[in-house]
C-alpha atoms as a PDB file:
ATOM      1  CA  MET A   1      -0.800 -10.540  16.288  1.00  0.00           C
ATOM      2  CA  ALA A   2       0.384 -13.803  15.036  1.00  0.00           C
ATOM      3  CA  ASP A   3       4.261 -14.017  14.127  1.00  0.00           C
ATOM      4  CA  THR A   4       3.412 -14.349  10.349  1.00  0.00           C
ATOM      5  CA  VAL A   5       2.859 -10.376  10.085  1.00  0.00           C
ATOM      6  CA  LEU A   6       5.622  -8.298  12.615  1.00  0.00           C
ATOM      7  CA  TYR A   7       4.354  -4.757  13.807  1.00  0.00           C
ATOM      8  CA  GLU A   8       6.898  -2.047  14.631  1.00  0.00           C
ATOM      9  CA  VAL A   9       6.042   1.212  15.468  1.00  0.00           C
ATOM     10  CA  SER A  10       9.383   3.925  15.757  1.00  0.00           C
ATOM     11  CA  ASP A  11       9.557   7.452  15.470  1.00  0.00           C
ATOM     12  CA  GLY A  12       5.744   7.802  14.179  1.00  0.00           C
ATOM     13  CA  LEU A  13       6.899   4.883  11.351  1.00  0.00           C
ATOM     14  CA  ALA A  14       4.586   1.932  11.711  1.00  0.00           C
ATOM     15  CA  THR A  15       6.599  -1.416   9.682  1.00  0.00           C
ATOM     16  CA  ILE A  16       4.294  -3.955   9.153  1.00  0.00           C
ATOM     17  CA  THR A  17       6.676  -6.793   7.527  1.00  0.00           C
ATOM     18  CA  LEU A  18       4.847  -9.585   6.049  1.00  0.00           C
ATOM     19  CA  ASN A  19       6.474 -12.595   7.592  1.00  0.00           C
ATOM     20  CA  ARG A  20       6.170 -16.236   5.713  1.00  0.00           C
ATOM     21  CA  PRO A  21       9.416 -16.178   3.473  1.00  0.00           C
ATOM     22  CA  GLU A  22       9.328 -20.101   3.512  1.00  0.00           C
ATOM     23  CA  ALA A  23       5.234 -19.769   1.573  1.00  0.00           C
ATOM     24  CA  MET A  24       6.683 -16.879  -0.594  1.00  0.00           C
ATOM     25  CA  ASN A  25       4.416 -14.445   1.717  1.00  0.00           C
ATOM     26  CA  ALA A  26       1.214 -16.604   0.818  1.00  0.00           C
ATOM     27  CA  LEU A  27      -1.812 -15.355   2.857  1.00  0.00           C
ATOM     28  CA  ASN A  28      -3.575 -18.120   4.840  1.00  0.00           C
ATOM     29  CA  ILE A  29      -5.857 -17.129   7.583  1.00  0.00           C
ATOM     30  CA  ALA A  30      -3.657 -16.267  10.197  1.00  0.00           C
ATOM     31  CA  THR A  31      -1.861 -14.300   8.124  1.00  0.00           C
ATOM     32  CA  LYS A  32      -4.980 -12.448   6.906  1.00  0.00           C
ATOM     33  CA  VAL A  33      -6.902 -11.423   9.848  1.00  0.00           C
ATOM     34  CA  ALA A  34      -2.945 -10.433  11.653  1.00  0.00           C
ATOM     35  CA  LEU A  35      -2.477  -7.952   8.515  1.00  0.00           C
ATOM     36  CA  ARG A  36      -5.842  -6.517   9.100  1.00  0.00           C
ATOM     37  CA  GLU A  37      -5.150  -6.157  12.348  1.00  0.00           C
ATOM     38  CA  ALA A  38      -1.893  -4.194  11.919  1.00  0.00           C
ATOM     39  CA  VAL A  39      -3.283  -1.992   9.006  1.00  0.00           C
ATOM     40  CA  GLU A  40      -6.442  -1.121  10.751  1.00  0.00           C
ATOM     41  CA  SER A  41      -4.057  -0.361  13.384  1.00  0.00           C
ATOM     42  CA  ALA A  42      -1.675   1.669  11.957  1.00  0.00           C
ATOM     43  CA  ALA A  43      -3.953   3.649   9.997  1.00  0.00           C
ATOM     44  CA  ALA A  44      -5.705   4.570  13.373  1.00  0.00           C
ATOM     45  CA  ASP A  45      -3.146   5.636  15.589  1.00  0.00           C
ATOM     46  CA  ASP A  46      -2.667   8.971  15.565  1.00  0.00           C
ATOM     47  CA  ALA A  47       1.010   8.358  17.045  1.00  0.00           C
ATOM     48  CA  VAL A  48       1.729   6.945  13.521  1.00  0.00           C
ATOM     49  CA  ARG A  49       2.560   9.335  10.893  1.00  0.00           C
ATOM     50  CA  ALA A  50       3.616   7.264   7.790  1.00  0.00           C
ATOM     51  CA  VAL A  51       3.646   3.453   7.166  1.00  0.00           C
ATOM     52  CA  LEU A  52       5.973   0.884   5.941  1.00  0.00           C
ATOM     53  CA  LEU A  53       4.881  -2.221   4.042  1.00  0.00           C
ATOM     54  CA  THR A  54       6.825  -4.760   3.214  1.00  0.00           C
ATOM     55  CA  ALA A  55       8.143  -8.459   3.673  1.00  0.00           C
ATOM     56  CA  ALA A  56      10.452 -10.670   4.889  1.00  0.00           C
ATOM     57  CA  GLY A  57      12.713 -13.094   2.666  1.00  0.00           C
ATOM     58  CA  GLU A  58      14.156 -12.557  -0.611  1.00  0.00           C
ATOM     59  CA  ARG A  59      11.886 -14.219  -3.233  1.00  0.00           C
ATOM     60  CA  ALA A  60       8.411 -12.371  -2.844  1.00  0.00           C
ATOM     61  CA  PHE A  61       6.671  -9.537  -1.617  1.00  0.00           C
ATOM     62  CA  CYS A  62       3.017 -11.712  -1.332  1.00  0.00           C
ATOM     63  CA  VAL A  63       1.876 -14.456  -4.195  1.00  0.00           C
ATOM     64  CA  GLY A  64      -1.475 -13.966  -2.933  1.00  0.00           C
ATOM     65  CA  GLN A  65      -4.071 -16.505  -1.203  1.00  0.00           C
ATOM     66  CA  ASP A  66      -2.345 -19.190   0.580  1.00  0.00           C
ATOM     67  CA  LEU A  67      -3.683 -22.231  -2.386  1.00  0.00           C
ATOM     68  CA  LYS A  68      -2.908 -24.892  -0.264  1.00  0.00           C
ATOM     69  CA  GLU A  69      -5.073 -23.853   2.487  1.00  0.00           C
ATOM     70  CA  HIS A  70      -7.785 -23.130   0.066  1.00  0.00           C
ATOM     71  CA  ILE A  71      -7.522 -26.238  -1.625  1.00  0.00           C
ATOM     72  CA  GLY A  72      -8.001 -27.777   2.013  1.00  0.00           C
ATOM     73  CA  LEU A  73     -11.043 -25.755   2.017  1.00  0.00           C
ATOM     74  CA  LEU A  74     -12.126 -26.529  -0.917  1.00  0.00           C
ATOM     75  CA  ILE A  75     -12.236 -30.312  -0.303  1.00  0.00           C
ATOM     76  CA  GLU A  76     -13.623 -29.570   2.603  1.00  0.00           C
ATOM     77  CA  GLY A  77     -16.648 -28.004   1.162  1.00  0.00           C
ATOM     78  CA  SER A  78     -16.238 -24.918   2.891  1.00  0.00           C
ATOM     79  CA  GLY A  79     -19.391 -22.092   2.869  1.00  0.00           C
ATOM     80  CA  GLU A  80     -16.951 -19.409   3.530  1.00  0.00           C
ATOM     81  CA  ILE A  81     -14.104 -20.131   1.017  1.00  0.00           C
ATOM     82  CA  MET A  82     -14.566 -16.801  -0.782  1.00  0.00           C
ATOM     83  CA  SER A  83     -15.730 -14.695   2.658  1.00  0.00           C
ATOM     84  CA  THR A  84     -11.875 -13.305   2.947  1.00  0.00           C
ATOM     85  CA  VAL A  85     -12.831 -11.007  -0.067  1.00  0.00           C
ATOM     86  CA  LYS A  86     -14.908  -9.343   2.421  1.00  0.00           C
ATOM     87  CA  GLU A  87     -13.437 -10.356   5.970  1.00  0.00           C
ATOM     88  CA  HIS A  88      -9.655  -9.159   5.257  1.00  0.00           C
ATOM     89  CA  TYR A  89      -8.824  -8.079   1.839  1.00  0.00           C
ATOM     90  CA  ASN A  90     -11.305  -5.159   1.693  1.00  0.00           C
ATOM     91  CA  PRO A  91     -10.627  -3.841   4.950  1.00  0.00           C
ATOM     92  CA  VAL A  92      -6.648  -4.177   4.478  1.00  0.00           C
ATOM     93  CA  VAL A  93      -7.152  -2.314   1.291  1.00  0.00           C
ATOM     94  CA  ARG A  94      -9.314   0.157   2.578  1.00  0.00           C
ATOM     95  CA  ALA A  95      -7.133   0.864   5.479  1.00  0.00           C
ATOM     96  CA  LEU A  96      -4.404   1.201   2.989  1.00  0.00           C
ATOM     97  CA  THR A  97      -6.216   3.684   0.920  1.00  0.00           C
ATOM     98  CA  GLU A  98      -7.809   5.894   3.420  1.00  0.00           C
ATOM     99  CA  ALA A  99      -5.207   6.125   6.246  1.00  0.00           C
ATOM    100  CA  PRO A 100      -5.034   9.698   6.531  1.00  0.00           C
ATOM    101  CA  LYS A 101      -0.961   9.188   6.679  1.00  0.00           C
ATOM    102  CA  PRO A 102       1.497   8.271   3.791  1.00  0.00           C
ATOM    103  CA  VAL A 103       1.701   4.454   3.126  1.00  0.00           C
ATOM    104  CA  VAL A 104       4.896   2.765   1.236  1.00  0.00           C
ATOM    105  CA  ALA A 105       5.465  -0.316  -0.040  1.00  0.00           C
ATOM    106  CA  ALA A 106       8.835  -1.965  -0.465  1.00  0.00           C
ATOM    107  CA  VAL A 107       8.091  -5.130  -2.839  1.00  0.00           C
ATOM    108  CA  ASN A 108      11.259  -7.334  -2.754  1.00  0.00           C
ATOM    109  CA  GLY A 109      10.125  -9.392  -4.908  1.00  0.00           C
ATOM    110  CA  VAL A 110       7.222 -11.621  -6.271  1.00  0.00           C
ATOM    111  CA  ALA A 111       3.924  -9.473  -6.127  1.00  0.00           C
ATOM    112  CA  ALA A 112       0.981 -11.575  -6.655  1.00  0.00           C
ATOM    113  CA  GLY A 113      -2.473 -11.879  -6.554  1.00  0.00           C
ATOM    114  CA  ALA A 114      -3.526 -10.244  -3.835  1.00  0.00           C
ATOM    115  CA  GLY A 115      -0.221  -9.057  -2.683  1.00  0.00           C
ATOM    116  CA  PHE A 116      -0.421  -7.074  -5.974  1.00  0.00           C
ATOM    117  CA  GLY A 117      -3.049  -5.737  -4.892  1.00  0.00           C
ATOM    118  CA  PHE A 118      -1.522  -4.291  -1.202  1.00  0.00           C
ATOM    119  CA  ALA A 119       0.957  -2.605  -3.410  1.00  0.00           C
ATOM    120  CA  LEU A 120      -1.138  -0.747  -5.685  1.00  0.00           C
ATOM    121  CA  ALA A 121      -3.219   0.474  -2.606  1.00  0.00           C
ATOM    122  CA  ALA A 122       0.281   1.821  -0.951  1.00  0.00           C
ATOM    123  CA  ASP A 123       1.009   5.729  -1.980  1.00  0.00           C
ATOM    124  CA  TYR A 124       4.505   4.899  -3.024  1.00  0.00           C
ATOM    125  CA  ARG A 125       5.596   1.835  -4.362  1.00  0.00           C
ATOM    126  CA  ILE A 126       9.448   1.259  -3.854  1.00  0.00           C
ATOM    127  CA  VAL A 127      10.725  -1.890  -6.038  1.00  0.00           C
ATOM    128  CA  ALA A 128      13.730  -4.132  -5.685  1.00  0.00           C
ATOM    129  CA  ASP A 129      14.846  -4.870  -9.371  1.00  0.00           C
ATOM    130  CA  THR A 130      14.770  -8.139  -8.693  1.00  0.00           C
ATOM    131  CA  ALA A 131      10.479  -7.832  -8.000  1.00  0.00           C
ATOM    132  CA  SER A 132       7.995  -8.421 -10.292  1.00  0.00           C
ATOM    133  CA  PHE A 133       4.258  -8.368 -10.726  1.00  0.00           C
ATOM    134  CA  ASN A 134       1.243 -10.494 -11.805  1.00  0.00           C
ATOM    135  CA  THR A 135      -1.928 -10.071 -11.593  1.00  0.00           C
ATOM    136  CA  SER A 136      -2.517 -13.749 -11.267  1.00  0.00           C
ATOM    137  CA  PHE A 137      -6.546 -14.322 -10.659  1.00  0.00           C
ATOM    138  CA  ALA A 138      -7.747 -15.285 -13.905  1.00  0.00           C
ATOM    139  CA  GLY A 139      -4.985 -17.705 -14.272  1.00  0.00           C
ATOM    140  CA  VAL A 140      -7.020 -19.794 -11.812  1.00  0.00           C
ATOM    141  CA  ALA A 141     -10.309 -18.798 -12.513  1.00  0.00           C
ATOM    142  CA  LEU A 142     -11.433 -15.865 -10.605  1.00  0.00           C
ATOM    143  CA  THR A 143     -11.568 -12.356 -11.156  1.00  0.00           C
ATOM    144  CA  ALA A 144      -9.797  -8.852  -9.396  1.00  0.00           C
ATOM    145  CA  ASP A 145     -10.196  -8.608  -6.221  1.00  0.00           C
ATOM    146  CA  SER A 146      -7.716  -6.829  -2.942  1.00  0.00           C
ATOM    147  CA  GLY A 147      -8.998  -3.331  -4.675  1.00  0.00           C
ATOM    148  CA  VAL A 148      -7.290  -4.591  -8.412  1.00  0.00           C
ATOM    149  CA  SER A 149      -9.926  -3.609 -10.484  1.00  0.00           C
ATOM    150  CA  TRP A 150      -9.974  -0.061  -8.891  1.00  0.00           C
ATOM    151  CA  THR A 151      -6.361   0.909  -8.338  1.00  0.00           C
ATOM    152  CA  LEU A 152      -4.732  -0.918 -11.598  1.00  0.00           C
ATOM    153  CA  PRO A 153      -6.597   0.984 -14.358  1.00  0.00           C
ATOM    154  CA  ARG A 154      -5.665   4.178 -12.177  1.00  0.00           C
ATOM    155  CA  VAL A 155      -2.231   3.850 -12.112  1.00  0.00           C
ATOM    156  CA  VAL A 156      -2.087   2.053 -15.948  1.00  0.00           C
ATOM    157  CA  GLY A 157      -5.004   3.024 -17.439  1.00  0.00           C
ATOM    158  CA  PRO A 158      -7.982   0.841 -18.474  1.00  0.00           C
ATOM    159  CA  GLY A 159      -6.250  -0.698 -21.228  1.00  0.00           C
ATOM    160  CA  ARG A 160      -3.471  -1.539 -19.936  1.00  0.00           C
ATOM    161  CA  ALA A 161      -5.231  -3.055 -16.389  1.00  0.00           C
ATOM    162  CA  THR A 162      -7.158  -5.273 -18.596  1.00  0.00           C
ATOM    163  CA  ASP A 163      -4.650  -6.628 -20.595  1.00  0.00           C
ATOM    164  CA  LEU A 164      -3.014  -7.256 -17.148  1.00  0.00           C
ATOM    165  CA  LEU A 165      -6.175  -8.905 -15.994  1.00  0.00           C
ATOM    166  CA  LEU A 166      -6.922 -10.837 -18.802  1.00  0.00           C
ATOM    167  CA  PHE A 167      -3.595 -12.379 -19.406  1.00  0.00           C
ATOM    168  CA  PRO A 168      -1.393 -12.221 -16.502  1.00  0.00           C
ATOM    169  CA  ARG A 169       2.059 -12.260 -16.780  1.00  0.00           C
ATOM    170  CA  SER A 170       4.962 -11.352 -14.787  1.00  0.00           C
ATOM    171  CA  VAL A 171       5.865  -7.551 -15.251  1.00  0.00           C
ATOM    172  CA  LYS A 172       9.444  -6.932 -14.446  1.00  0.00           C
ATOM    173  CA  ALA A 173      10.700  -4.457 -12.030  1.00  0.00           C
ATOM    174  CA  GLN A 174      11.881  -1.969 -15.205  1.00  0.00           C
ATOM    175  CA  GLU A 175       8.364  -2.442 -17.364  1.00  0.00           C
ATOM    176  CA  ALA A 176       6.928  -1.772 -13.765  1.00  0.00           C
ATOM    177  CA  TYR A 177       8.367   1.445 -13.391  1.00  0.00           C
ATOM    178  CA  GLU A 178       8.093   2.485 -16.994  1.00  0.00           C
ATOM    179  CA  LEU A 179       4.129   1.317 -16.667  1.00  0.00           C
ATOM    180  CA  GLY A 180       3.936   3.542 -13.468  1.00  0.00           C
ATOM    181  CA  ILE A 181       3.567   0.610 -11.023  1.00  0.00           C
ATOM    182  CA  ALA A 182       7.198   1.503  -9.151  1.00  0.00           C
ATOM    183  CA  ASN A 183       7.703   5.029  -8.174  1.00  0.00           C
ATOM    184  CA  ARG A 184      11.276   3.972  -7.708  1.00  0.00           C
ATOM    185  CA  VAL A 185      13.399   1.240  -8.443  1.00  0.00           C
ATOM    186  CA  VAL A 186      16.538   0.542  -6.411  1.00  0.00           C
ATOM    187  CA  PRO A 187      19.363  -2.771  -6.010  1.00  0.00           C
ATOM    188  CA  ALA A 188      17.598  -5.309  -4.045  1.00  0.00           C
ATOM    189  CA  ASP A 189      20.161  -4.994  -1.724  1.00  0.00           C
ATOM    190  CA  GLU A 190      19.839  -1.423  -1.059  1.00  0.00           C
ATOM    191  CA  LEU A 191      15.597  -1.923  -0.937  1.00  0.00           C
ATOM    192  CA  ARG A 192      15.381  -1.730   2.532  1.00  0.00           C
ATOM    193  CA  ALA A 193      17.457   1.059   3.966  1.00  0.00           C
ATOM    194  CA  GLU A 194      16.226   3.189   0.663  1.00  0.00           C
ATOM    195  CA  ALA A 195      12.003   2.231   1.474  1.00  0.00           C
ATOM    196  CA  GLU A 196      13.558   3.078   5.252  1.00  0.00           C
ATOM    197  CA  LYS A 197      14.817   6.638   4.082  1.00  0.00           C
ATOM    198  CA  VAL A 198      12.167   7.477   2.596  1.00  0.00           C
ATOM    199  CA  ALA A 199       8.874   6.487   4.854  1.00  0.00           C
ATOM    200  CA  ARG A 200      10.711   7.892   7.760  1.00  0.00           C
ATOM    201  CA  ALA A 201      11.602  11.351   5.586  1.00  0.00           C
ATOM    202  CA  LEU A 202       7.486  10.875   5.349  1.00  0.00           C
ATOM    203  CA  ALA A 203       6.586  10.493   9.048  1.00  0.00           C
ATOM    204  CA  GLU A 204       8.952  13.537   9.940  1.00  0.00           C
ATOM    205  CA  GLY A 205       6.469  15.768   7.201  1.00  0.00           C
ATOM    206  CA  PRO A 206       3.315  17.756   7.381  1.00  0.00           C
ATOM    207  CA  THR A 207       1.199  14.733   8.141  1.00  0.00           C
ATOM    208  CA  VAL A 208      -1.935  16.759   7.923  1.00  0.00           C
ATOM    209  CA  ALA A 209      -0.905  17.953   4.029  1.00  0.00           C
ATOM    210  CA  TYR A 210      -0.182  14.387   3.170  1.00  0.00           C
ATOM    211  CA  SER A 211      -4.006  13.230   4.650  1.00  0.00           C
ATOM    212  CA  ALA A 212      -5.022  16.301   2.571  1.00  0.00           C
ATOM    213  CA  LEU A 213      -3.324  15.194  -0.520  1.00  0.00           C
ATOM    214  CA  LYS A 214      -4.389  11.705  -0.570  1.00  0.00           C
ATOM    215  CA  GLU A 215      -7.885  12.391   0.114  1.00  0.00           C
ATOM    216  CA  ALA A 216      -7.579  15.323  -3.117  1.00  0.00           C
ATOM    217  CA  VAL A 217      -6.134  12.631  -5.315  1.00  0.00           C
ATOM    218  CA  ALA A 218      -8.768   9.751  -4.534  1.00  0.00           C
ATOM    219  CA  TYR A 219     -11.784  12.617  -4.334  1.00  0.00           C
ATOM    220  CA  GLY A 220     -10.452  14.080  -8.318  1.00  0.00           C
ATOM    221  CA  LEU A 221     -10.478  10.768  -9.647  1.00  0.00           C
ATOM    222  CA  SER A 222     -14.631  10.173  -9.390  1.00  0.00           C
ATOM    223  CA  HIS A 223     -15.538  14.232  -9.344  1.00  0.00           C
ATOM    224  CA  SER A 224     -16.035  17.134 -11.537  1.00  0.00           C
ATOM    225  CA  LEU A 225     -13.693  19.729 -11.806  1.00  0.00           C
ATOM    226  CA  ALA A 226     -15.714  22.147 -10.026  1.00  0.00           C
ATOM    227  CA  GLU A 227     -16.727  19.672  -7.294  1.00  0.00           C
ATOM    228  CA  THR A 228     -12.771  19.197  -6.987  1.00  0.00           C
ATOM    229  CA  LEU A 229     -12.156  22.240  -6.944  1.00  0.00           C
ATOM    230  CA  GLU A 230     -14.295  23.122  -4.043  1.00  0.00           C
ATOM    231  CA  LYS A 231     -12.628  19.655  -2.505  1.00  0.00           C
ATOM    232  CA  GLU A 232      -9.433  22.013  -2.459  1.00  0.00           C
ATOM    233  CA  ASP A 233     -10.891  24.605  -1.343  1.00  0.00           C
ATOM    234  CA  GLU A 234     -12.075  22.763   2.020  1.00  0.00           C
ATOM    235  CA  LEU A 235      -8.560  20.776   2.430  1.00  0.00           C
ATOM    236  CA  GLN A 236      -6.859  23.797   2.096  1.00  0.00           C
ATOM    237  CA  THR A 237      -8.475  25.371   4.475  1.00  0.00           C
ATOM    238  CA  ARG A 238      -8.057  22.413   7.147  1.00  0.00           C
ATOM    239  CA  ALA A 239      -4.070  22.481   6.038  1.00  0.00           C
ATOM    240  CA  GLY A 240      -3.934  25.886   6.412  1.00  0.00           C
ATOM    241  CA  ALA A 241      -5.133  25.658   9.805  1.00  0.00           C
ATOM    242  CA  SER A 242      -2.648  22.922  10.925  1.00  0.00           C
ATOM    243  CA  GLU A 243       0.484  24.120  12.959  1.00  0.00           C
ATOM    244  CA  ASP A 244       3.069  22.593  10.759  1.00  0.00           C
ATOM    245  CA  HIS A 245       1.739  24.963   8.010  1.00  0.00           C
ATOM    246  CA  ALA A 246       2.770  27.679  10.407  1.00  0.00           C
ATOM    247  CA  ILE A 247       5.873  26.044  11.373  1.00  0.00           C
ATOM    248  CA  ALA A 248       6.885  25.801   7.988  1.00  0.00           C
ATOM    249  CA  VAL A 249       5.824  29.455   6.881  1.00  0.00           C
ATOM    250  CA  ARG A 250       8.066  30.310  10.172  1.00  0.00           C
ATOM    251  CA  ALA A 251      11.295  28.303   8.904  1.00  0.00           C
ATOM    252  CA  PHE A 252      10.674  30.158   5.862  1.00  0.00           C
ATOM    253  CA  VAL A 253      10.621  33.081   6.387  1.00  0.00           C
ATOM    254  CA  ASN A 254      13.558  32.163   9.211  1.00  0.00           C
ATOM    255  CA  LYS A 255      15.658  29.977   6.420  1.00  0.00           C
ATOM    256  CA  GLU A 256      15.506  27.422   8.772  1.00  0.00           C
ATOM    257  CA  ARG A 257      14.108  23.584   8.177  1.00  0.00           C
ATOM    258  CA  PRO A 258      10.928  22.923   9.405  1.00  0.00           C
ATOM    259  CA  LYS A 259      10.418  20.649  12.059  1.00  0.00           C
ATOM    260  CA  TYR A 260       6.537  18.984  12.048  1.00  0.00           C
ATOM    261  CA  LEU A 261       4.630  18.415  14.408  1.00  0.00           C
ATOM    262  CA  GLY A 262       2.179  15.922  12.206  1.00  0.00           C
ATOM    263  CA  ARG A 263      -0.605  18.343  13.491  1.00  0.00           C
END
């Protein structure tokens, strides 16, 4: 894995850090490959019970595609220039959204283009008060990718999503909170500590239940009430059979704090 992406697992928490602060964590090919590998590893590893996605530096979470590299590929006339969506962005977004564990994004600065998309693919976004979001795509004559056409309307509604896509602009942290893009806004110097606190709490939680909750919400957004009720029955049966549910019930009866095993 390239040093442009750092990957660490500790006590059930996988921390993935975009590590190109000098380039505002722009996504060149090496970074995209390393990010895909890190996210897929975290999603598939049963020892990982939560994921924290963050970035180095103070200016940017991720400004999306590295346009300097992109221009070079355009000049070369590379036939594979747009294959990055299929080869890199799509696998990253699917791994984040479909991971059977909660994903927290700690947004420390500008999140634009695919960087915005990766943040939206997380289940919970903690945002520095100095951060901002920008769809960016139309500004360089491109359409949405990295799942934004799917995630953004579900977060802010189709009308606001269309506005933000057609007329890209900087959405500051407070507005992002009001729109539902940010789940929590904290002072920039407290971001990492607060994000780690939340992510570690999730890593110590009932992982099977969290997985079922993610699946239930995603399913309910595209199915009827009747179908969703059946899905809830299926998922509740799964959660009810977990060791963590038995632990929770015993702890409740004994007036103790449960210590979950993640299974």
